[in-house]
Amino acid sequence: MSNQDLIAYHATRSRKELSLGLMSDNMAAARSHLKLSSLHYARLCELEGRPPRARPPFVL
């Protein structure tokens, strides 16, 4: 997989998990999806050579 493919994969997964977390009616499931989203986002930032944000842009 090329670096651009990895970037696209992690960007897509991060957005998908964020969406699932925000739509979930179950708090445990929502937390799991949001955690996965943040892990994919951190990996995306690492691949792009930029530091991830110290805090998420929102708080639930």
PDB file of N, CA and C in Angstrom:
ATOM      1  N   MET A   1       0.841  -1.177   0.000  1.00  0.00           N
ATOM      2  CA  MET A   1       0.000   0.000   0.000  1.00  0.00           C
ATOM      3  C   MET A   1       0.892   1.248   0.000  1.00  0.00           C
ATOM      4  N   SER A   2       0.583   2.173  -0.859  1.00  0.00           N
ATOM      5  CA  SER A   2       1.372   3.406  -0.908  1.00  0.00           C
ATOM      6  C   SER A   2       1.007   4.319   0.264  1.00  0.00           C
ATOM      7  N   ASN A   3       1.846   5.306   0.508  1.00  0.00           N
ATOM      8  CA  ASN A   3       1.578   6.259   1.587  1.00  0.00           C
ATOM      9  C   ASN A   3       0.259   6.997   1.344  1.00  0.00           C
ATOM     10  N   GLN A   4       0.000   7.371   0.101  1.00  0.00           N
ATOM     11  CA  GLN A   4      -1.255   8.062  -0.223  1.00  0.00           C
ATOM     12  C   GLN A   4      -2.465   7.156   0.022  1.00  0.00           C
ATOM     13  N   ASP A   5      -2.321   5.865  -0.269  1.00  0.00           N
ATOM     14  CA  ASP A   5      -3.399   4.909   0.006  1.00  0.00           C
ATOM     15  C   ASP A   5      -3.657   4.805   1.504  1.00  0.00           C
ATOM     16  N   LEU A   6      -2.579   4.761   2.293  1.00  0.00           N
ATOM     17  CA  LEU A   6      -2.721   4.690   3.751  1.00  0.00           C
ATOM     18  C   LEU A   6      -3.380   5.954   4.298  1.00  0.00           C
ATOM     19  N   ILE A   7      -2.993   7.098   3.775  1.00  0.00           N
ATOM     20  CA  ILE A   7      -3.595   8.369   4.201  1.00  0.00           C
ATOM     21  C   ILE A   7      -5.088   8.362   3.897  1.00  0.00           C
ATOM     22  N   ALA A   8      -5.451   7.963   2.696  1.00  0.00           N
ATOM     23  CA  ALA A   8      -6.866   7.913   2.309  1.00  0.00           C
ATOM     24  C   ALA A   8      -7.637   6.928   3.184  1.00  0.00           C
ATOM     25  N   TYR A   9      -7.037   5.767   3.457  1.00  0.00           N
ATOM     26  CA  TYR A   9      -7.694   4.762   4.291  1.00  0.00           C
ATOM     27  C   TYR A   9      -7.982   5.300   5.695  1.00  0.00           C
ATOM     28  N   HIS A  10      -6.957   5.867   6.327  1.00  0.00           N
ATOM     29  CA  HIS A  10      -7.132   6.347   7.697  1.00  0.00           C
ATOM     30  C   HIS A  10      -8.061   7.567   7.760  1.00  0.00           C
ATOM     31  N   ALA A  11      -8.049   8.411   6.747  1.00  0.00           N
ATOM     32  CA  ALA A  11      -8.968   9.552   6.709  1.00  0.00           C
ATOM     33  C   ALA A  11     -10.409   9.071   6.602  1.00  0.00           C
ATOM     34  N   THR A  12     -10.643   8.093   5.730  1.00  0.00           N
ATOM     35  CA  THR A  12     -11.990   7.547   5.555  1.00  0.00           C
ATOM     36  C   THR A  12     -12.473   6.854   6.821  1.00  0.00           C
ATOM     37  N   ARG A  13     -11.612   6.020   7.404  1.00  0.00           N
ATOM     38  CA  ARG A  13     -11.992   5.305   8.626  1.00  0.00           C
ATOM     39  C   ARG A  13     -12.238   6.260   9.782  1.00  0.00           C
ATOM     40  N   SER A  14     -11.417   7.290   9.896  1.00  0.00           N
ATOM     41  CA  SER A  14     -11.600   8.259  10.970  1.00  0.00           C
ATOM     42  C   SER A  14     -12.965   8.945  10.859  1.00  0.00           C
ATOM     43  N   ARG A  15     -13.308   9.380   9.655  1.00  0.00           N
ATOM     44  CA  ARG A  15     -14.618  10.025   9.446  1.00  0.00           C
ATOM     45  C   ARG A  15     -15.772   9.058   9.682  1.00  0.00           C
ATOM     46  N   LYS A  16     -15.630   7.816   9.220  1.00  0.00           N
ATOM     47  CA  LYS A  16     -16.687   6.812   9.387  1.00  0.00           C
ATOM     48  C   LYS A  16     -16.916   6.510  10.870  1.00  0.00           C
ATOM     49  N   GLU A  17     -15.840   6.281  11.605  1.00  0.00           N
ATOM     50  CA  GLU A  17     -15.973   5.980  13.035  1.00  0.00           C
ATOM     51  C   GLU A  17     -16.534   7.180  13.802  1.00  0.00           C
ATOM     52  N   LEU A  18     -16.145   8.389  13.417  1.00  0.00           N
ATOM     53  CA  LEU A  18     -16.695   9.583  14.047  1.00  0.00           C
ATOM     54  C   LEU A  18     -18.204   9.648  13.824  1.00  0.00           C
ATOM     55  N   SER A  19     -18.616   9.413  12.598  1.00  0.00           N
ATOM     56  CA  SER A  19     -20.036   9.435  12.269  1.00  0.00           C
ATOM     57  C   SER A  19     -20.804   8.380  13.063  1.00  0.00           C
ATOM     58  N   LEU A  20     -20.270   7.163  13.111  1.00  0.00           N
ATOM     59  CA  LEU A  20     -20.928   6.097  13.865  1.00  0.00           C
ATOM     60  C   LEU A  20     -21.005   6.440  15.351  1.00  0.00           C
ATOM     61  N   GLY A  21     -19.948   7.007  15.883  1.00  0.00           N
ATOM     62  CA  GLY A  21     -19.935   7.380  17.300  1.00  0.00           C
ATOM     63  C   GLY A  21     -20.949   8.450  17.629  1.00  0.00           C
ATOM     64  N   LEU A  22     -21.093   9.410  16.744  1.00  0.00           N
ATOM     65  CA  LEU A  22     -22.042  10.499  16.988  1.00  0.00           C
ATOM     66  C   LEU A  22     -23.484  10.061  16.824  1.00  0.00           C
ATOM     67  N   MET A  23     -23.723   9.021  16.042  1.00  0.00           N
ATOM     68  CA  MET A  23     -25.096   8.545  15.803  1.00  0.00           C
ATOM     69  C   MET A  23     -25.530   7.439  16.764  1.00  0.00           C
ATOM     70  N   SER A  24     -24.583   6.859  17.488  1.00  0.00           N
ATOM     71  CA  SER A  24     -24.897   5.715  18.339  1.00  0.00           C
ATOM     72  C   SER A  24     -25.786   6.104  19.522  1.00  0.00           C
ATOM     73  N   ASP A  25     -26.760   5.256  19.806  1.00  0.00           N
ATOM     74  CA  ASP A  25     -27.631   5.442  20.968  1.00  0.00           C
ATOM     75  C   ASP A  25     -27.029   4.829  22.239  1.00  0.00           C
ATOM     76  N   ASN A  26     -26.024   3.986  22.058  1.00  0.00           N
ATOM     77  CA  ASN A  26     -25.396   3.292  23.170  1.00  0.00           C
ATOM     78  C   ASN A  26     -24.101   4.006  23.542  1.00  0.00           C
ATOM     79  N   MET A  27     -23.979   4.434  24.778  1.00  0.00           N
ATOM     80  CA  MET A  27     -22.821   5.224  25.203  1.00  0.00           C
ATOM     81  C   MET A  27     -21.509   4.444  25.080  1.00  0.00           C
ATOM     82  N   ALA A  28     -21.511   3.170  25.432  1.00  0.00           N
ATOM     83  CA  ALA A  28     -20.282   2.372  25.331  1.00  0.00           C
ATOM     84  C   ALA A  28     -19.859   2.230  23.871  1.00  0.00           C
ATOM     85  N   ALA A  29     -20.815   1.992  22.998  1.00  0.00           N
ATOM     86  CA  ALA A  29     -20.519   1.872  21.566  1.00  0.00           C
ATOM     87  C   ALA A  29     -20.022   3.212  21.024  1.00  0.00           C
ATOM     88  N   ALA A  30     -20.657   4.305  21.444  1.00  0.00           N
ATOM     89  CA  ALA A  30     -20.249   5.639  20.992  1.00  0.00           C
ATOM     90  C   ALA A  30     -18.804   5.914  21.393  1.00  0.00           C
ATOM     91  N   ARG A  31     -18.462   5.610  22.634  1.00  0.00           N
ATOM     92  CA  ARG A  31     -17.086   5.820  23.099  1.00  0.00           C
ATOM     93  C   ARG A  31     -16.092   4.994  22.293  1.00  0.00           C
ATOM     94  N   SER A  32     -16.455   3.754  22.001  1.00  0.00           N
ATOM     95  CA  SER A  32     -15.566   2.883  21.224  1.00  0.00           C
ATOM     96  C   SER A  32     -15.338   3.439  19.825  1.00  0.00           C
ATOM     97  N   HIS A  33     -16.410   3.875  19.170  1.00  0.00           N
ATOM     98  CA  HIS A  33     -16.284   4.441  17.829  1.00  0.00           C
ATOM     99  C   HIS A  33     -15.450   5.728  17.855  1.00  0.00           C
ATOM    100  N   LEU A  34     -15.675   6.564  18.851  1.00  0.00           N
ATOM    101  CA  LEU A  34     -14.922   7.821  18.934  1.00  0.00           C
ATOM    102  C   LEU A  34     -13.446   7.560  19.236  1.00  0.00           C
ATOM    103  N   LYS A  35     -13.158   6.553  20.039  1.00  0.00           N
ATOM    104  CA  LYS A  35     -11.766   6.183  20.312  1.00  0.00           C
ATOM    105  C   LYS A  35     -11.097   5.686  19.034  1.00  0.00           C
ATOM    106  N   LEU A  36     -11.794   4.826  18.288  1.00  0.00           N
ATOM    107  CA  LEU A  36     -11.250   4.351  17.017  1.00  0.00           C
ATOM    108  C   LEU A  36     -11.014   5.509  16.053  1.00  0.00           C
ATOM    109  N   SER A  37     -11.953   6.446  16.031  1.00  0.00           N
ATOM    110  CA  SER A  37     -11.803   7.608  15.166  1.00  0.00           C
ATOM    111  C   SER A  37     -10.533   8.377  15.522  1.00  0.00           C
ATOM    112  N   SER A  38     -10.307   8.583  16.807  1.00  0.00           N
ATOM    113  CA  SER A  38      -9.128   9.343  17.224  1.00  0.00           C
ATOM    114  C   SER A  38      -7.832   8.597  16.912  1.00  0.00           C
ATOM    115  N   LEU A  39      -7.848   7.266  16.995  1.00  0.00           N
ATOM    116  CA  LEU A  39      -6.655   6.489  16.658  1.00  0.00           C
ATOM    117  C   LEU A  39      -6.348   6.578  15.159  1.00  0.00           C
ATOM    118  N   HIS A  40      -7.386   6.489  14.336  1.00  0.00           N
ATOM    119  CA  HIS A  40      -7.183   6.626  12.891  1.00  0.00           C
ATOM    120  C   HIS A  40      -6.716   8.042  12.549  1.00  0.00           C
ATOM    121  N   TYR A  41      -7.263   9.029  13.238  1.00  0.00           N
ATOM    122  CA  TYR A  41      -6.856  10.412  13.001  1.00  0.00           C
ATOM    123  C   TYR A  41      -5.390  10.622  13.390  1.00  0.00           C
ATOM    124  N   ALA A  42      -4.980  10.051  14.505  1.00  0.00           N
ATOM    125  CA  ALA A  42      -3.590  10.178  14.943  1.00  0.00           C
ATOM    126  C   ALA A  42      -2.651   9.529  13.936  1.00  0.00           C
ATOM    127  N   ARG A  43      -3.039   8.379  13.423  1.00  0.00           N
ATOM    128  CA  ARG A  43      -2.203   7.705  12.414  1.00  0.00           C
ATOM    129  C   ARG A  43      -2.159   8.526  11.127  1.00  0.00           C
ATOM    130  N   LEU A  44      -3.274   9.111  10.744  1.00  0.00           N
ATOM    131  CA  LEU A  44      -3.330   9.977   9.574  1.00  0.00           C
ATOM    132  C   LEU A  44      -2.352  11.142   9.729  1.00  0.00           C
ATOM    133  N   CYS A  45      -2.373  11.789  10.867  1.00  0.00           N
ATOM    134  CA  CYS A  45      -1.462  12.908  11.128  1.00  0.00           C
ATOM    135  C   CYS A  45      -0.011  12.457  11.061  1.00  0.00           C
ATOM    136  N   GLU A  46       0.264  11.297  11.626  1.00  0.00           N
ATOM    137  CA  GLU A  46       1.626  10.750  11.607  1.00  0.00           C
ATOM    138  C   GLU A  46       2.082  10.511  10.164  1.00  0.00           C
ATOM    139  N   LEU A  47       1.220   9.936   9.348  1.00  0.00           N
ATOM    140  CA  LEU A  47       1.567   9.668   7.945  1.00  0.00           C
ATOM    141  C   LEU A  47       1.789  10.958   7.158  1.00  0.00           C
ATOM    142  N   GLU A  48       1.041  12.005   7.530  1.00  0.00           N
ATOM    143  CA  GLU A  48       1.177  13.290   6.845  1.00  0.00           C
ATOM    144  C   GLU A  48       2.334  14.119   7.400  1.00  0.00           C
ATOM    145  N   GLY A  49       2.954  13.651   8.470  1.00  0.00           N
ATOM    146  CA  GLY A  49       4.092  14.351   9.046  1.00  0.00           C
ATOM    147  C   GLY A  49       3.716  15.579   9.850  1.00  0.00           C
ATOM    148  N   ARG A  50       2.538  15.551  10.443  1.00  0.00           N
ATOM    149  CA  ARG A  50       2.120  16.672  11.287  1.00  0.00           C
ATOM    150  C   ARG A  50       1.636  16.122  12.620  1.00  0.00           C
ATOM    151  N   PRO A  51       1.815  16.895  13.686  1.00  0.00           N
ATOM    152  CA  PRO A  51       1.374  16.400  14.995  1.00  0.00           C
ATOM    153  C   PRO A  51      -0.148  16.440  15.096  1.00  0.00           C
ATOM    154  N   PRO A  52      -0.731  15.445  15.749  1.00  0.00           N
ATOM    155  CA  PRO A  52      -2.182  15.495  15.976  1.00  0.00           C
ATOM    156  C   PRO A  52      -2.514  16.599  16.969  1.00  0.00           C
ATOM    157  N   ARG A  53      -3.746  17.040  16.956  1.00  0.00           N
ATOM    158  CA  ARG A  53      -4.173  18.062  17.920  1.00  0.00           C
ATOM    159  C   ARG A  53      -4.046  17.520  19.330  1.00  0.00           C
ATOM    160  N   ALA A  54      -3.695  18.390  20.246  1.00  0.00           N
ATOM    161  CA  ALA A  54      -3.569  17.968  21.644  1.00  0.00           C
ATOM    162  C   ALA A  54      -4.937  17.634  22.229  1.00  0.00           C
ATOM    163  N   ARG A  55      -5.968  18.310  21.752  1.00  0.00           N
ATOM    164  CA  ARG A  55      -7.330  18.069  22.220  1.00  0.00           C
ATOM    165  C   ARG A  55      -8.228  17.921  21.014  1.00  0.00           C
ATOM    166  N   PRO A  56      -9.291  17.131  21.146  1.00  0.00           N
ATOM    167  CA  PRO A  56     -10.241  17.047  20.040  1.00  0.00           C
ATOM    168  C   PRO A  56     -10.931  18.384  19.848  1.00  0.00           C
ATOM    169  N   PRO A  57     -11.438  18.648  18.654  1.00  0.00           N
ATOM    170  CA  PRO A  57     -12.083  19.936  18.396  1.00  0.00           C
ATOM    171  C   PRO A  57     -13.429  20.094  19.094  1.00  0.00           C
ATOM    172  N   PHE A  58     -13.935  19.032  19.706  1.00  0.00           N
ATOM    173  CA  PHE A  58     -15.219  19.093  20.400  1.00  0.00           C
ATOM    174  C   PHE A  58     -15.193  18.156  21.585  1.00  0.00           C
ATOM    175  N   VAL A  59     -16.120  18.318  22.476  1.00  0.00           N
ATOM    176  CA  VAL A  59     -16.227  17.440  23.644  1.00  0.00           C
ATOM    177  C   VAL A  59     -17.682  16.999  23.760  1.00  0.00           C
ATOM    178  N   LEU A  60     -17.885  15.698  23.942  1.00  0.00           N
ATOM    179  CA  LEU A  60     -19.241  15.181  24.106  1.00  0.00           C
ATOM    180  C   LEU A  60     -19.578  15.075  25.564  1.00  0.00           C
TER     181      LEU A  60
END
